Amino acid sequence: MSGRIFLFGDDIDTDQLAPGQYMRGGIEALAAHCLEATRPAFSVDVQPGDIIVAGRNFGTGSSREQAVEALLYLQVAGVVALSFAGIFYRNAVNLGLPVLIAPSIDGAKDGDKASLQLTSSVLNLSDKNNDIALEPMPKNLQEIIESGGLVQYLKKRLAV
């Protein structure tokens, strides 16, 4: 998973990720307005494989799964943050979006080329030849993400 970093601050909430006024328009409309309150051109600028790096409390707010679905629709490779709101974190894992906690995001800059390595828990800043060590994700959660989410994971497990 590699792309550019989109750097955000603290307290990015689910209303910014999936604005309520676009809920009736479906996932396409939500994704088109994802993060526009914070970064108006985000949905136009983000490319498949890009990585969101953020401060504390990413995904705070309501429990709407659409916040994660919008990021998946835009093909974001994952989110690295100093901390996550609990329900957003669980929704992300359940839907197959990699979410990793960073003890520090020092050195990461907006637009940096980077790759996210789930199994080794590393955010590699390609241009700077620098790695940011991330908190290891438990193996069972990695397996859910690698399966594409909880439903796909359970289908595989129950098919045995």
Protein backbone atom coordinates (compact mmCIF):
# COMPACT_ATOMS: atom_id res chain seq x y z
CA MET A 1 0.00 0.00 0.00
CA SER A 2 1.75 3.14 -1.12
CA GLY A 3 0.82 6.65 -2.11
CA ARG A 4 0.92 10.17 -0.73
CA ILE A 5 0.24 11.32 2.79
CA PHE A 6 -2.78 13.50 3.50
CA LEU A 7 -2.01 15.07 6.86
CA PHE A 8 -4.81 16.10 9.22
CA GLY A 9 -4.94 17.36 12.79
CA ASP A 10 -6.89 16.24 15.85
CA ASP A 11 -10.58 15.43 16.22
CA ILE A 12 -11.51 14.60 12.63
CA ASP A 13 -15.09 13.51 13.18
CA THR A 14 -17.48 11.28 11.27
CA ASP A 15 -19.51 14.31 10.15
CA GLN A 16 -16.43 15.50 8.26
CA LEU A 17 -15.83 12.06 6.80
CA ALA A 18 -19.48 11.42 5.83
CA PRO A 19 -21.46 14.69 5.96
CA GLY A 20 -25.03 14.04 7.10
CA GLN A 21 -26.63 16.23 4.43
CA TYR A 22 -25.38 13.80 1.73
CA MET A 23 -26.53 10.56 3.39
CA ARG A 24 -29.51 10.13 1.07
CA GLY A 25 -27.28 10.44 -1.98
CA GLY A 26 -25.53 7.13 -1.39
CA ILE A 27 -21.86 6.31 -1.02
CA GLU A 28 -20.87 8.17 -4.19
CA ALA A 29 -22.25 11.45 -2.82
CA LEU A 30 -20.75 10.89 0.61
CA ALA A 31 -17.34 10.10 -0.83
CA ALA A 32 -17.51 13.18 -3.09
CA HIS A 33 -17.90 15.34 0.04
CA CYS A 34 -15.58 13.38 2.33
CA LEU A 35 -13.46 15.74 4.45
CA GLU A 36 -14.51 18.81 2.42
CA ALA A 37 -15.15 20.83 5.60
CA THR A 38 -11.47 20.42 6.51
CA ARG A 39 -9.89 20.07 3.08
CA PRO A 40 -12.28 21.07 0.29
CA ALA A 41 -10.52 19.28 -2.57
CA PHE A 42 -9.78 16.04 -0.68
CA SER A 43 -12.12 13.77 -2.66
CA VAL A 44 -10.76 15.13 -5.95
CA ASP A 45 -7.08 15.05 -4.94
CA VAL A 46 -6.93 11.68 -3.17
CA GLN A 47 -5.74 8.76 -5.30
CA PRO A 48 -5.95 5.00 -4.72
CA GLY A 49 -3.25 4.01 -2.25
CA ASP A 50 -2.96 7.39 -0.53
CA ILE A 51 -2.67 7.35 3.26
CA ILE A 52 -4.33 9.56 5.84
CA VAL A 53 -2.09 10.55 8.74
CA ALA A 54 -3.78 12.38 11.59
CA GLY A 55 -3.55 13.50 15.17
CA ARG A 56 -5.62 12.40 18.12
CA ASN A 57 -9.18 11.12 18.24
CA PHE A 58 -9.64 10.36 14.53
CA GLY A 59 -13.22 9.31 13.76
CA THR A 60 -14.86 10.84 16.80
CA GLY A 61 -18.59 11.48 16.66
CA SER A 62 -21.43 9.26 15.55
CA SER A 63 -21.21 5.55 14.91
CA ARG A 64 -21.94 5.82 11.19
CA GLU A 65 -20.18 3.15 9.19
CA GLN A 66 -20.44 5.41 6.15
CA ALA A 67 -17.43 7.36 7.43
CA VAL A 68 -15.28 4.29 6.80
CA GLU A 69 -17.17 3.37 3.63
CA ALA A 70 -16.39 6.78 2.10
CA LEU A 71 -12.65 6.24 2.67
CA LEU A 72 -12.86 2.76 1.19
CA TYR A 73 -14.80 4.07 -1.81
CA LEU A 74 -11.99 6.59 -2.39
CA GLN A 75 -9.51 3.69 -2.11
CA VAL A 76 -7.53 5.18 0.77
CA ALA A 77 -4.89 2.61 1.74
CA GLY A 78 -5.31 3.22 5.44
CA VAL A 79 -5.33 5.66 8.30
CA VAL A 80 -2.47 6.25 10.72
CA ALA A 81 -3.32 8.39 13.73
CA LEU A 82 -2.13 9.17 17.24
CA SER A 83 -5.45 7.75 18.49
CA PHE A 84 -8.86 6.71 17.19
CA ALA A 85 -12.38 6.95 18.49
CA GLY A 86 -13.26 3.42 19.55
CA ILE A 87 -16.31 2.87 17.37
CA PHE A 88 -14.58 4.27 14.26
CA TYR A 89 -11.64 1.93 14.87
CA ARG A 90 -13.94 -1.08 15.17
CA ASN A 91 -15.97 -0.06 12.11
CA ALA A 92 -12.74 0.30 10.13
CA VAL A 93 -11.55 -3.17 11.08
CA ASN A 94 -14.99 -4.68 10.43
CA LEU A 95 -15.07 -3.13 6.95
CA GLY A 96 -11.41 -3.91 6.11
CA LEU A 97 -9.78 -0.48 6.35
CA PRO A 98 -6.29 -0.60 7.89
CA VAL A 99 -6.09 1.67 10.95
CA LEU A 100 -2.83 1.89 12.85
CA ILE A 101 -1.84 3.88 15.90
CA ALA A 102 1.37 5.91 15.81
CA PRO A 103 3.11 6.94 19.02
CA SER A 104 4.34 9.94 17.01
CA ILE A 105 3.79 11.32 13.53
CA ASP A 106 6.80 13.61 13.67
CA GLY A 107 8.52 13.71 10.31
CA ALA A 108 5.38 12.98 8.29
CA LYS A 109 4.45 15.87 6.03
CA ASP A 110 1.49 16.48 3.76
CA GLY A 111 2.25 15.15 0.28
CA ASP A 112 5.13 12.89 1.33
CA LYS A 113 5.37 9.64 -0.59
CA ALA A 114 4.82 6.79 1.82
CA SER A 115 3.93 3.14 2.13
CA LEU A 116 1.93 1.49 4.86
CA GLN A 117 2.96 -1.97 5.96
CA LEU A 118 0.26 -3.61 8.07
CA THR A 119 2.08 -6.80 9.05
CA SER A 120 5.30 -5.06 10.13
CA SER A 121 3.43 -2.01 11.55
CA VAL A 122 5.50 0.57 9.72
CA LEU A 123 4.78 3.78 7.85
CA ASN A 124 7.71 4.20 5.48
CA LEU A 125 8.36 7.77 4.31
CA SER A 126 9.86 6.86 0.94
CA ASP A 127 11.34 10.25 0.01
CA LYS A 128 12.96 10.66 3.40
CA ASN A 129 14.18 7.07 3.75
CA ASN A 130 12.58 7.09 7.19
CA ASP A 131 10.28 4.67 8.98
CA ILE A 132 7.69 5.56 11.60
CA ALA A 133 7.12 2.58 13.87
CA LEU A 134 3.45 1.97 14.58
CA GLU A 135 1.78 0.04 17.36
CA PRO A 136 1.43 -3.57 16.22
CA MET A 137 -2.12 -4.55 15.38
CA PRO A 138 -3.24 -7.83 16.96
CA LYS A 139 -2.94 -10.74 14.53
CA ASN A 140 -6.68 -11.52 14.64
CA LEU A 141 -7.52 -7.95 13.58
CA GLN A 142 -4.90 -8.07 10.83
CA GLU A 143 -6.55 -11.23 9.52
CA ILE A 144 -9.95 -9.51 9.41
CA ILE A 145 -8.50 -6.57 7.46
CA GLU A 146 -6.54 -8.81 5.11
CA SER A 147 -9.76 -10.74 4.40
CA GLY A 148 -11.50 -7.54 3.36
CA GLY A 149 -13.55 -7.16 6.52
CA LEU A 150 -15.39 -9.17 9.14
CA VAL A 151 -18.06 -10.66 6.85
CA GLN A 152 -15.47 -12.01 4.39
CA TYR A 153 -13.30 -13.24 7.27
CA LEU A 154 -16.20 -15.16 8.81
CA LYS A 155 -17.19 -16.64 5.43
CA LYS A 156 -13.66 -18.02 5.05
CA ARG A 157 -13.57 -19.38 8.61
CA LEU A 158 -16.99 -20.98 8.44
CA ALA A 159 -16.36 -22.54 5.04
CA VAL A 160 -13.64 -24.79 6.44
